[in-house]
């Protein structure tokens, strides 16, 4: 059967697949474009399922706000290699996922997957699977978070390239200040906003470590206790946003910076590509030897 270029073009526009893949699907379905789409979806899902277990620790982080700057969303989408992360197809998918989460006010990844990627389009999950089939790498929407300002909130977004993204929420202050604080969070990696948010178990563990370190010093018990408390206090300053020296002016803490602007830090979200994912480390020598033995 002769498959026209017009039909191939239409299928390409509707699926985003390559020309030869579209022509092959149309040939197999006798030019029935709807059947071809269904055929390609099934094939894509099969390929996606085979790659689902592969580690995807590269990718992109993206953040955006709505037009009123009352809601922000930040998302991390992963792939297997930096090469794919730089490709237009992957970038477009990440942008679509982030926009869809914002438009539908959802951070539920499973629910997000069932939403159309654009009006009248296929779902995000089916788009993800089709993209896996096209580029040959595992892709996963790892995490999404929404931040709402409330009555007096001010949002700040800072992107360090495409690998680190931060959204901050202030009460009072300006958007520029919120962005400066977001830049600080990107650089200094605080664990939480204030010392009140540090888990009691974490502080207890730090005290235990410092106590063990000073136990052999031979100093009196009351001196050791003061030394331990001093170290715990320093630890709290180091891991909290308010206690850290402001990255653009280390002479003032972030707490002082905000107080001078009559603003308060309410929360922040910091995403970095691949953090917490155990990456597979390939041993080239062992791989070559294994292949030689197999030969």
C-alpha atoms as a PDB file:
ATOM      1  CA  UNK A   1       0.000   0.000   0.000  1.00  0.00           C
ATOM      2  CA  UNK A   2       1.263   3.451  -0.891  1.00  0.00           C
ATOM      3  CA  UNK A   3       1.496   5.682   2.225  1.00  0.00           C
ATOM      4  CA  UNK A   4       1.362   9.364   1.344  1.00  0.00           C
ATOM      5  CA  UNK A   5       3.792  11.906   2.754  1.00  0.00           C
ATOM      6  CA  UNK A   6       0.820  13.924   4.024  1.00  0.00           C
ATOM      7  CA  UNK A   7      -0.372  11.000   6.119  1.00  0.00           C
ATOM      8  CA  UNK A   8       3.106  10.423   7.516  1.00  0.00           C
ATOM      9  CA  UNK A   9       3.388  14.127   8.331  1.00  0.00           C
ATOM     10  CA  UNK A  10       0.065  14.090  10.194  1.00  0.00           C
ATOM     11  CA  UNK A  11       1.091  11.066  12.250  1.00  0.00           C
ATOM     12  CA  UNK A  12       4.429  12.682  13.085  1.00  0.00           C
ATOM     13  CA  UNK A  13       2.672  15.832  14.292  1.00  0.00           C
ATOM     14  CA  UNK A  14       0.284  13.831  16.445  1.00  0.00           C
ATOM     15  CA  UNK A  15       2.825  11.468  17.996  1.00  0.00           C
ATOM     16  CA  UNK A  16       6.205  13.207  17.784  1.00  0.00           C
ATOM     17  CA  UNK A  17       7.723   9.972  16.470  1.00  0.00           C
ATOM     18  CA  UNK A  18      10.285   9.692  13.673  1.00  0.00           C
ATOM     19  CA  UNK A  19       9.328   9.609   9.997  1.00  0.00           C
ATOM     20  CA  UNK A  20      10.356   5.994   9.396  1.00  0.00           C
ATOM     21  CA  UNK A  21       8.575   4.805  12.533  1.00  0.00           C
ATOM     22  CA  UNK A  22       5.400   6.595  11.417  1.00  0.00           C
ATOM     23  CA  UNK A  23       5.597   5.169   7.912  1.00  0.00           C
ATOM     24  CA  UNK A  24       6.139   1.665   9.280  1.00  0.00           C
ATOM     25  CA  UNK A  25       3.140   1.959  11.622  1.00  0.00           C
ATOM     26  CA  UNK A  26       0.917   3.246   8.809  1.00  0.00           C
ATOM     27  CA  UNK A  27       2.026   0.439   6.523  1.00  0.00           C
ATOM     28  CA  UNK A  28       1.228  -2.160   9.176  1.00  0.00           C
ATOM     29  CA  UNK A  29      -2.236  -0.667   9.730  1.00  0.00           C
ATOM     30  CA  UNK A  30      -3.062  -0.183   6.051  1.00  0.00           C
ATOM     31  CA  UNK A  31      -3.019   3.608   6.319  1.00  0.00           C
ATOM     32  CA  UNK A  32      -5.432   3.767   9.269  1.00  0.00           C
ATOM     33  CA  UNK A  33      -3.980   6.641  11.267  1.00  0.00           C
ATOM     34  CA  UNK A  34      -5.964   5.955  14.452  1.00  0.00           C
ATOM     35  CA  UNK A  35      -4.933   2.300  14.397  1.00  0.00           C
ATOM     36  CA  UNK A  36      -1.350   3.392  13.738  1.00  0.00           C
ATOM     37  CA  UNK A  37      -1.423   5.660  16.819  1.00  0.00           C
ATOM     38  CA  UNK A  38      -2.752   2.799  18.947  1.00  0.00           C
ATOM     39  CA  UNK A  39      -0.109   0.453  17.528  1.00  0.00           C
ATOM     40  CA  UNK A  40       2.665   2.936  18.306  1.00  0.00           C
ATOM     41  CA  UNK A  41       1.360   3.503  21.834  1.00  0.00           C
ATOM     42  CA  UNK A  42       1.406  -0.223  22.543  1.00  0.00           C
ATOM     43  CA  UNK A  43       4.886  -0.594  21.108  1.00  0.00           C
ATOM     44  CA  UNK A  44       6.065   2.398  23.101  1.00  0.00           C
ATOM     45  CA  UNK A  45       4.627   1.013  26.331  1.00  0.00           C
ATOM     46  CA  UNK A  46       6.354  -2.313  25.761  1.00  0.00           C
ATOM     47  CA  UNK A  47       9.697  -0.572  25.241  1.00  0.00           C
ATOM     48  CA  UNK A  48       9.079   1.662  28.276  1.00  0.00           C
ATOM     49  CA  UNK A  49       8.328  -1.335  30.487  1.00  0.00           C
ATOM     50  CA  UNK A  50      11.624  -2.966  29.483  1.00  0.00           C
ATOM     51  CA  UNK A  51      13.555   0.157  30.490  1.00  0.00           C
ATOM     52  CA  UNK A  52      11.627   0.887  33.693  1.00  0.00           C
ATOM     53  CA  UNK A  53      14.242  -0.740  35.943  1.00  0.00           C
ATOM     54  CA  UNK A  54      17.171   1.235  34.578  1.00  0.00           C
ATOM     55  CA  UNK A  55      18.623   3.959  36.799  1.00  0.00           C
ATOM     56  CA  UNK A  56      17.700   7.467  35.689  1.00  0.00           C
ATOM     57  CA  UNK A  57      19.812   9.922  37.696  1.00  0.00           C
ATOM     58  CA  UNK A  58      20.372  12.685  35.133  1.00  0.00           C
ATOM     59  CA  UNK A  59      17.726  15.101  33.926  1.00  0.00           C
ATOM     60  CA  UNK A  60      16.382  18.574  34.578  1.00  0.00           C
ATOM     61  CA  UNK A  61      14.799  20.648  37.321  1.00  0.00           C
ATOM     62  CA  UNK A  62      12.277  23.300  36.309  1.00  0.00           C
ATOM     63  CA  UNK A  63      10.307  25.879  38.308  1.00  0.00           C
ATOM     64  CA  UNK A  64       7.641  28.372  37.276  1.00  0.00           C
ATOM     65  CA  UNK A  65       4.856  30.527  38.697  1.00  0.00           C
ATOM     66  CA  UNK A  66       1.354  31.335  37.543  1.00  0.00           C
ATOM     67  CA  UNK A  67       0.599  34.737  35.980  1.00  0.00           C
ATOM     68  CA  UNK A  68      -0.466  36.182  39.355  1.00  0.00           C
ATOM     69  CA  UNK A  69       2.662  34.872  41.085  1.00  0.00           C
ATOM     70  CA  UNK A  70       0.503  33.314  43.773  1.00  0.00           C
ATOM     71  CA  UNK A  71       1.435  29.705  43.055  1.00  0.00           C
ATOM     72  CA  UNK A  72       4.751  28.149  42.076  1.00  0.00           C
ATOM     73  CA  UNK A  73       5.645  24.637  41.018  1.00  0.00           C
ATOM     74  CA  UNK A  74       9.016  22.920  40.931  1.00  0.00           C
ATOM     75  CA  UNK A  75       9.605  19.568  39.264  1.00  0.00           C
ATOM     76  CA  UNK A  76      12.421  17.101  38.646  1.00  0.00           C
ATOM     77  CA  UNK A  77      12.283  14.783  35.650  1.00  0.00           C
ATOM     78  CA  UNK A  78      15.031  12.217  35.183  1.00  0.00           C
ATOM     79  CA  UNK A  79      16.668  10.392  32.296  1.00  0.00           C
ATOM     80  CA  UNK A  80      19.761   8.210  32.094  1.00  0.00           C
ATOM     81  CA  UNK A  81      22.323  10.473  30.423  1.00  0.00           C
ATOM     82  CA  UNK A  82      23.254  14.132  30.325  1.00  0.00           C
ATOM     83  CA  UNK A  83      23.174  13.934  26.520  1.00  0.00           C
ATOM     84  CA  UNK A  84      19.427  13.206  26.513  1.00  0.00           C
ATOM     85  CA  UNK A  85      18.814  15.843  29.209  1.00  0.00           C
ATOM     86  CA  UNK A  86      20.163  18.474  26.809  1.00  0.00           C
ATOM     87  CA  UNK A  87      17.879  17.393  23.955  1.00  0.00           C
ATOM     88  CA  UNK A  88      14.882  19.442  22.839  1.00  0.00           C
ATOM     89  CA  UNK A  89      12.461  16.507  23.158  1.00  0.00           C
ATOM     90  CA  UNK A  90      13.328  15.941  26.799  1.00  0.00           C
ATOM     91  CA  UNK A  91      13.345  19.661  27.616  1.00  0.00           C
ATOM     92  CA  UNK A  92       9.931  20.037  26.010  1.00  0.00           C
ATOM     93  CA  UNK A  93       8.553  17.150  28.050  1.00  0.00           C
ATOM     94  CA  UNK A  94       9.879  18.610  31.323  1.00  0.00           C
ATOM     95  CA  UNK A  95       8.347  21.989  30.515  1.00  0.00           C
ATOM     96  CA  UNK A  96       5.010  20.384  29.651  1.00  0.00           C
ATOM     97  CA  UNK A  97       4.980  18.359  32.880  1.00  0.00           C
ATOM     98  CA  UNK A  98       5.762  21.436  34.985  1.00  0.00           C
ATOM     99  CA  UNK A  99       3.148  23.551  33.210  1.00  0.00           C
ATOM    100  CA  UNK A 100       0.529  20.828  33.558  1.00  0.00           C
ATOM    101  CA  UNK A 101       1.187  20.531  37.296  1.00  0.00           C
ATOM    102  CA  UNK A 102       0.816  24.298  37.653  1.00  0.00           C
ATOM    103  CA  UNK A 103      -2.335  24.532  35.522  1.00  0.00           C
ATOM    104  CA  UNK A 104      -4.000  21.708  37.448  1.00  0.00           C
ATOM    105  CA  UNK A 105      -2.605  22.579  40.898  1.00  0.00           C
ATOM    106  CA  UNK A 106      -1.395  19.056  41.563  1.00  0.00           C
ATOM    107  CA  UNK A 107       1.849  17.583  42.869  1.00  0.00           C
ATOM    108  CA  UNK A 108       0.472  14.029  42.833  1.00  0.00           C
ATOM    109  CA  UNK A 109       2.674  12.294  40.259  1.00  0.00           C
ATOM    110  CA  UNK A 110       0.246   9.441  39.645  1.00  0.00           C
ATOM    111  CA  UNK A 111      -2.676  11.833  39.110  1.00  0.00           C
ATOM    112  CA  UNK A 112      -0.472  14.089  36.993  1.00  0.00           C
ATOM    113  CA  UNK A 113       0.382  11.171  34.728  1.00  0.00           C
ATOM    114  CA  UNK A 114      -3.269  10.734  33.781  1.00  0.00           C
ATOM    115  CA  UNK A 115      -3.746  14.365  32.732  1.00  0.00           C
ATOM    116  CA  UNK A 116      -3.503  15.430  29.074  1.00  0.00           C
ATOM    117  CA  UNK A 117      -0.130  16.961  28.352  1.00  0.00           C
ATOM    118  CA  UNK A 118      -1.917  19.681  26.428  1.00  0.00           C
ATOM    119  CA  UNK A 119      -5.523  20.386  25.554  1.00  0.00           C
ATOM    120  CA  UNK A 120      -6.841  17.502  23.490  1.00  0.00           C
ATOM    121  CA  UNK A 121      -3.514  15.651  23.676  1.00  0.00           C
ATOM    122  CA  UNK A 122      -2.483  12.298  25.095  1.00  0.00           C
ATOM    123  CA  UNK A 123      -1.682  11.914  28.764  1.00  0.00           C
ATOM    124  CA  UNK A 124       1.634  12.728  30.374  1.00  0.00           C
ATOM    125  CA  UNK A 125       2.178   9.046  31.152  1.00  0.00           C
ATOM    126  CA  UNK A 126       1.595   7.970  27.546  1.00  0.00           C
ATOM    127  CA  UNK A 127       3.807  10.824  26.356  1.00  0.00           C
ATOM    128  CA  UNK A 128       6.535   9.665  28.738  1.00  0.00           C
ATOM    129  CA  UNK A 129       6.339   6.116  27.424  1.00  0.00           C
ATOM    130  CA  UNK A 130       6.368   7.282  23.812  1.00  0.00           C
ATOM    131  CA  UNK A 131       9.441   9.412  24.540  1.00  0.00           C
ATOM    132  CA  UNK A 132      11.199   6.418  26.096  1.00  0.00           C
ATOM    133  CA  UNK A 133      10.482   4.432  22.944  1.00  0.00           C
ATOM    134  CA  UNK A 134      11.803   7.258  20.796  1.00  0.00           C
ATOM    135  CA  UNK A 135      15.058   8.073  22.600  1.00  0.00           C
ATOM    136  CA  UNK A 136      15.811   4.649  24.117  1.00  0.00           C
ATOM    137  CA  UNK A 137      16.333   5.744  27.732  1.00  0.00           C
ATOM    138  CA  UNK A 138      14.312   5.386  30.904  1.00  0.00           C
ATOM    139  CA  UNK A 139      12.509   8.607  31.868  1.00  0.00           C
ATOM    140  CA  UNK A 140      10.732   9.279  35.144  1.00  0.00           C
ATOM    141  CA  UNK A 141       8.826  12.165  36.666  1.00  0.00           C
ATOM    142  CA  UNK A 142      10.521  11.910  40.050  1.00  0.00           C
ATOM    143  CA  UNK A 143       8.996  14.667  42.159  1.00  0.00           C
ATOM    144  CA  UNK A 144       6.783  17.726  41.951  1.00  0.00           C
ATOM    145  CA  UNK A 145       5.942  20.285  44.616  1.00  0.00           C
ATOM    146  CA  UNK A 146       3.467  23.172  44.705  1.00  0.00           C
ATOM    147  CA  UNK A 147       3.973  26.309  46.773  1.00  0.00           C
ATOM    148  CA  UNK A 148       1.058  28.693  47.428  1.00  0.00           C
ATOM    149  CA  UNK A 149       1.666  32.201  48.753  1.00  0.00           C
ATOM    150  CA  UNK A 150      -1.426  32.721  50.877  1.00  0.00           C
ATOM    151  CA  UNK A 151      -2.484  36.301  51.697  1.00  0.00           C
ATOM    152  CA  UNK A 152       0.850  38.157  52.108  1.00  0.00           C
ATOM    153  CA  UNK A 153       3.309  35.727  50.604  1.00  0.00           C
ATOM    154  CA  UNK A 154       6.044  36.579  48.121  1.00  0.00           C
ATOM    155  CA  UNK A 155       7.578  33.923  45.883  1.00  0.00           C
ATOM    156  CA  UNK A 156      11.163  33.794  44.685  1.00  0.00           C
ATOM    157  CA  UNK A 157      12.612  31.434  42.095  1.00  0.00           C
ATOM    158  CA  UNK A 158      16.270  30.820  41.358  1.00  0.00           C
ATOM    159  CA  UNK A 159      17.566  28.343  38.801  1.00  0.00           C
ATOM    160  CA  UNK A 160      21.250  27.419  38.826  1.00  0.00           C
ATOM    161  CA  UNK A 161      21.467  26.198  35.269  1.00  0.00           C
ATOM    162  CA  UNK A 162      19.058  23.322  34.814  1.00  0.00           C
ATOM    163  CA  UNK A 163      20.277  21.063  37.630  1.00  0.00           C
ATOM    164  CA  UNK A 164      19.396  23.043  40.769  1.00  0.00           C
ATOM    165  CA  UNK A 165      16.140  24.871  41.346  1.00  0.00           C
ATOM    166  CA  UNK A 166      14.861  26.689  44.431  1.00  0.00           C
ATOM    167  CA  UNK A 167      11.521  28.234  45.315  1.00  0.00           C
ATOM    168  CA  UNK A 168      11.319  30.414  48.429  1.00  0.00           C
ATOM    169  CA  UNK A 169       8.249  31.789  50.164  1.00  0.00           C
ATOM    170  CA  UNK A 170       8.544  34.965  52.213  1.00  0.00           C
ATOM    171  CA  UNK A 171       6.020  36.885  54.231  1.00  0.00           C
ATOM    172  CA  UNK A 172       6.597  40.499  53.284  1.00  0.00           C
ATOM    173  CA  UNK A 173       9.611  41.754  51.399  1.00  0.00           C
ATOM    174  CA  UNK A 174      10.005  41.890  47.633  1.00  0.00           C
ATOM    175  CA  UNK A 175      10.289  39.431  44.786  1.00  0.00           C
ATOM    176  CA  UNK A 176      13.934  40.466  44.354  1.00  0.00           C
ATOM    177  CA  UNK A 177      14.653  39.663  48.008  1.00  0.00           C
ATOM    178  CA  UNK A 178      12.871  36.309  47.701  1.00  0.00           C
ATOM    179  CA  UNK A 179      15.020  35.496  44.660  1.00  0.00           C
ATOM    180  CA  UNK A 180      18.193  36.468  46.555  1.00  0.00           C
ATOM    181  CA  UNK A 181      17.215  34.115  49.374  1.00  0.00           C
ATOM    182  CA  UNK A 182      16.521  31.390  46.791  1.00  0.00           C
ATOM    183  CA  UNK A 183      20.024  31.927  45.376  1.00  0.00           C
ATOM    184  CA  UNK A 184      21.414  31.584  48.882  1.00  0.00           C
ATOM    185  CA  UNK A 185      19.529  28.303  49.396  1.00  0.00           C
ATOM    186  CA  UNK A 186      20.892  26.968  46.101  1.00  0.00           C
ATOM    187  CA  UNK A 187      24.465  27.729  47.177  1.00  0.00           C
ATOM    188  CA  UNK A 188      24.383  26.986  50.918  1.00  0.00           C
ATOM    189  CA  UNK A 189      21.979  24.010  51.093  1.00  0.00           C
ATOM    190  CA  UNK A 190      20.247  24.714  54.422  1.00  0.00           C
ATOM    191  CA  UNK A 191      18.266  21.817  55.870  1.00  0.00           C
ATOM    192  CA  UNK A 192      15.383  23.894  57.224  1.00  0.00           C
ATOM    193  CA  UNK A 193      14.336  27.509  57.876  1.00  0.00           C
ATOM    194  CA  UNK A 194      14.926  27.806  61.635  1.00  0.00           C
ATOM    195  CA  UNK A 195      16.380  25.836  64.546  1.00  0.00           C
ATOM    196  CA  UNK A 196      12.856  25.036  65.758  1.00  0.00           C
ATOM    197  CA  UNK A 197      12.426  22.846  62.675  1.00  0.00           C
ATOM    198  CA  UNK A 198      15.475  20.657  63.338  1.00  0.00           C
ATOM    199  CA  UNK A 199      14.238  17.241  64.499  1.00  0.00           C
ATOM    200  CA  UNK A 200      14.963  16.512  68.153  1.00  0.00           C
ATOM    201  CA  UNK A 201      16.488  13.162  67.150  1.00  0.00           C
ATOM    202  CA  UNK A 202      18.987  14.950  64.899  1.00  0.00           C
ATOM    203  CA  UNK A 203      20.115  17.274  67.696  1.00  0.00           C
ATOM    204  CA  UNK A 204      20.371  14.354  70.113  1.00  0.00           C
ATOM    205  CA  UNK A 205      22.584  12.505  67.652  1.00  0.00           C
ATOM    206  CA  UNK A 206      24.842  15.535  67.186  1.00  0.00           C
ATOM    207  CA  UNK A 207      25.184  15.925  70.959  1.00  0.00           C
ATOM    208  CA  UNK A 208      26.082  12.260  71.236  1.00  0.00           C
ATOM    209  CA  UNK A 209      28.788  12.614  68.573  1.00  0.00           C
ATOM    210  CA  UNK A 210      30.279  15.756  70.120  1.00  0.00           C
ATOM    211  CA  UNK A 211      30.198  14.216  73.585  1.00  0.00           C
ATOM    212  CA  UNK A 212      32.122  11.184  72.311  1.00  0.00           C
ATOM    213  CA  UNK A 213      34.672  13.465  70.640  1.00  0.00           C
ATOM    214  CA  UNK A 214      35.338  15.445  73.834  1.00  0.00           C
ATOM    215  CA  UNK A 215      35.095  12.605  76.353  1.00  0.00           C
ATOM    216  CA  UNK A 216      38.819  11.837  76.144  1.00  0.00           C
ATOM    217  CA  UNK A 217      39.883  15.465  76.581  1.00  0.00           C
ATOM    218  CA  UNK A 218      40.317  15.117  80.349  1.00  0.00           C
ATOM    219  CA  UNK A 219      38.429  18.376  80.958  1.00  0.00           C
ATOM    220  CA  UNK A 220      35.903  18.734  83.797  1.00  0.00           C
ATOM    221  CA  UNK A 221      32.341  17.607  83.082  1.00  0.00           C
ATOM    222  CA  UNK A 222      30.874  21.123  83.174  1.00  0.00           C
ATOM    223  CA  UNK A 223      33.460  22.348  80.648  1.00  0.00           C
ATOM    224  CA  UNK A 224      32.726  19.414  78.355  1.00  0.00           C
ATOM    225  CA  UNK A 225      29.004  20.189  78.541  1.00  0.00           C
ATOM    226  CA  UNK A 226      29.652  23.809  77.567  1.00  0.00           C
ATOM    227  CA  UNK A 227      31.870  22.675  74.691  1.00  0.00           C
ATOM    228  CA  UNK A 228      29.182  20.275  73.441  1.00  0.00           C
ATOM    229  CA  UNK A 229      26.436  22.896  73.661  1.00  0.00           C
ATOM    230  CA  UNK A 230      28.654  25.354  71.808  1.00  0.00           C
ATOM    231  CA  UNK A 231      29.157  22.872  68.989  1.00  0.00           C
ATOM    232  CA  UNK A 232      25.450  22.085  68.859  1.00  0.00           C
ATOM    233  CA  UNK A 233      24.682  25.799  68.609  1.00  0.00           C
ATOM    234  CA  UNK A 234      27.175  26.147  65.771  1.00  0.00           C
ATOM    235  CA  UNK A 235      25.614  23.130  64.050  1.00  0.00           C
ATOM    236  CA  UNK A 236      22.163  24.737  64.244  1.00  0.00           C
ATOM    237  CA  UNK A 237      23.492  27.912  62.642  1.00  0.00           C
ATOM    238  CA  UNK A 238      25.168  25.956  59.853  1.00  0.00           C
ATOM    239  CA  UNK A 239      22.127  23.918  58.833  1.00  0.00           C
ATOM    240  CA  UNK A 240      19.367  26.540  59.180  1.00  0.00           C
ATOM    241  CA  UNK A 241      18.572  29.198  56.624  1.00  0.00           C
ATOM    242  CA  UNK A 242      18.219  31.948  59.227  1.00  0.00           C
ATOM    243  CA  UNK A 243      21.495  31.084  60.948  1.00  0.00           C
ATOM    244  CA  UNK A 244      23.679  31.028  57.838  1.00  0.00           C
ATOM    245  CA  UNK A 245      25.774  34.010  56.658  1.00  0.00           C
ATOM    246  CA  UNK A 246      24.064  35.484  53.590  1.00  0.00           C
ATOM    247  CA  UNK A 247      25.921  34.299  50.501  1.00  0.00           C
ATOM    248  CA  UNK A 248      26.036  37.778  48.890  1.00  0.00           C
ATOM    249  CA  UNK A 249      27.139  39.486  52.117  1.00  0.00           C
ATOM    250  CA  UNK A 250      28.670  37.096  54.683  1.00  0.00           C
ATOM    251  CA  UNK A 251      28.824  39.900  57.267  1.00  0.00           C
ATOM    252  CA  UNK A 252      25.078  39.501  57.917  1.00  0.00           C
ATOM    253  CA  UNK A 253      23.003  36.406  58.528  1.00  0.00           C
ATOM    254  CA  UNK A 254      19.933  35.646  56.442  1.00  0.00           C
ATOM    255  CA  UNK A 255      17.886  36.313  59.582  1.00  0.00           C
ATOM    256  CA  UNK A 256      19.323  39.853  59.820  1.00  0.00           C
ATOM    257  CA  UNK A 257      18.860  40.413  56.095  1.00  0.00           C
ATOM    258  CA  UNK A 258      15.171  39.560  56.338  1.00  0.00           C
ATOM    259  CA  UNK A 259      14.630  41.490  59.562  1.00  0.00           C
ATOM    260  CA  UNK A 260      16.069  44.638  57.982  1.00  0.00           C
ATOM    261  CA  UNK A 261      13.581  44.220  55.114  1.00  0.00           C
ATOM    262  CA  UNK A 262      10.710  43.521  57.541  1.00  0.00           C
ATOM    263  CA  UNK A 263      10.257  40.106  55.974  1.00  0.00           C
ATOM    264  CA  UNK A 264      10.057  36.531  57.270  1.00  0.00           C
ATOM    265  CA  UNK A 265      11.098  33.263  55.650  1.00  0.00           C
ATOM    266  CA  UNK A 266       8.150  30.880  55.595  1.00  0.00           C
ATOM    267  CA  UNK A 267       9.532  27.961  53.584  1.00  0.00           C
ATOM    268  CA  UNK A 268      11.793  26.863  50.750  1.00  0.00           C
ATOM    269  CA  UNK A 269      12.051  23.957  48.344  1.00  0.00           C
ATOM    270  CA  UNK A 270      15.394  22.962  46.836  1.00  0.00           C
ATOM    271  CA  UNK A 271      15.635  20.316  44.111  1.00  0.00           C
ATOM    272  CA  UNK A 272      18.925  19.097  42.681  1.00  0.00           C
ATOM    273  CA  UNK A 273      19.038  16.614  39.836  1.00  0.00           C
ATOM    274  CA  UNK A 274      19.755  13.097  41.000  1.00  0.00           C
ATOM    275  CA  UNK A 275      20.242  13.861  44.698  1.00  0.00           C
ATOM    276  CA  UNK A 276      19.600  10.762  46.757  1.00  0.00           C
ATOM    277  CA  UNK A 277      19.671   8.422  43.755  1.00  0.00           C
ATOM    278  CA  UNK A 278      22.309   5.714  43.958  1.00  0.00           C
ATOM    279  CA  UNK A 279      24.061   5.806  40.617  1.00  0.00           C
ATOM    280  CA  UNK A 280      25.505   2.735  38.978  1.00  0.00           C
ATOM    281  CA  UNK A 281      29.278   2.967  38.614  1.00  0.00           C
ATOM    282  CA  UNK A 282      30.538   1.087  35.593  1.00  0.00           C
ATOM    283  CA  UNK A 283      33.899  -0.659  35.860  1.00  0.00           C
ATOM    284  CA  UNK A 284      35.281  -0.570  32.322  1.00  0.00           C
ATOM    285  CA  UNK A 285      38.132  -3.003  33.019  1.00  0.00           C
ATOM    286  CA  UNK A 286      35.829  -5.619  34.539  1.00  0.00           C
ATOM    287  CA  UNK A 287      33.363  -5.154  31.685  1.00  0.00           C
ATOM    288  CA  UNK A 288      36.082  -5.798  29.064  1.00  0.00           C
ATOM    289  CA  UNK A 289      37.377  -8.833  30.957  1.00  0.00           C
ATOM    290  CA  UNK A 290      33.881 -10.270  31.285  1.00  0.00           C
ATOM    291  CA  UNK A 291      33.337  -9.869  27.545  1.00  0.00           C
ATOM    292  CA  UNK A 292      36.703 -11.495  26.821  1.00  0.00           C
ATOM    293  CA  UNK A 293      35.879 -14.459  29.017  1.00  0.00           C
ATOM    294  CA  UNK A 294      32.507 -14.764  27.365  1.00  0.00           C
ATOM    295  CA  UNK A 295      34.153 -14.803  23.950  1.00  0.00           C
END
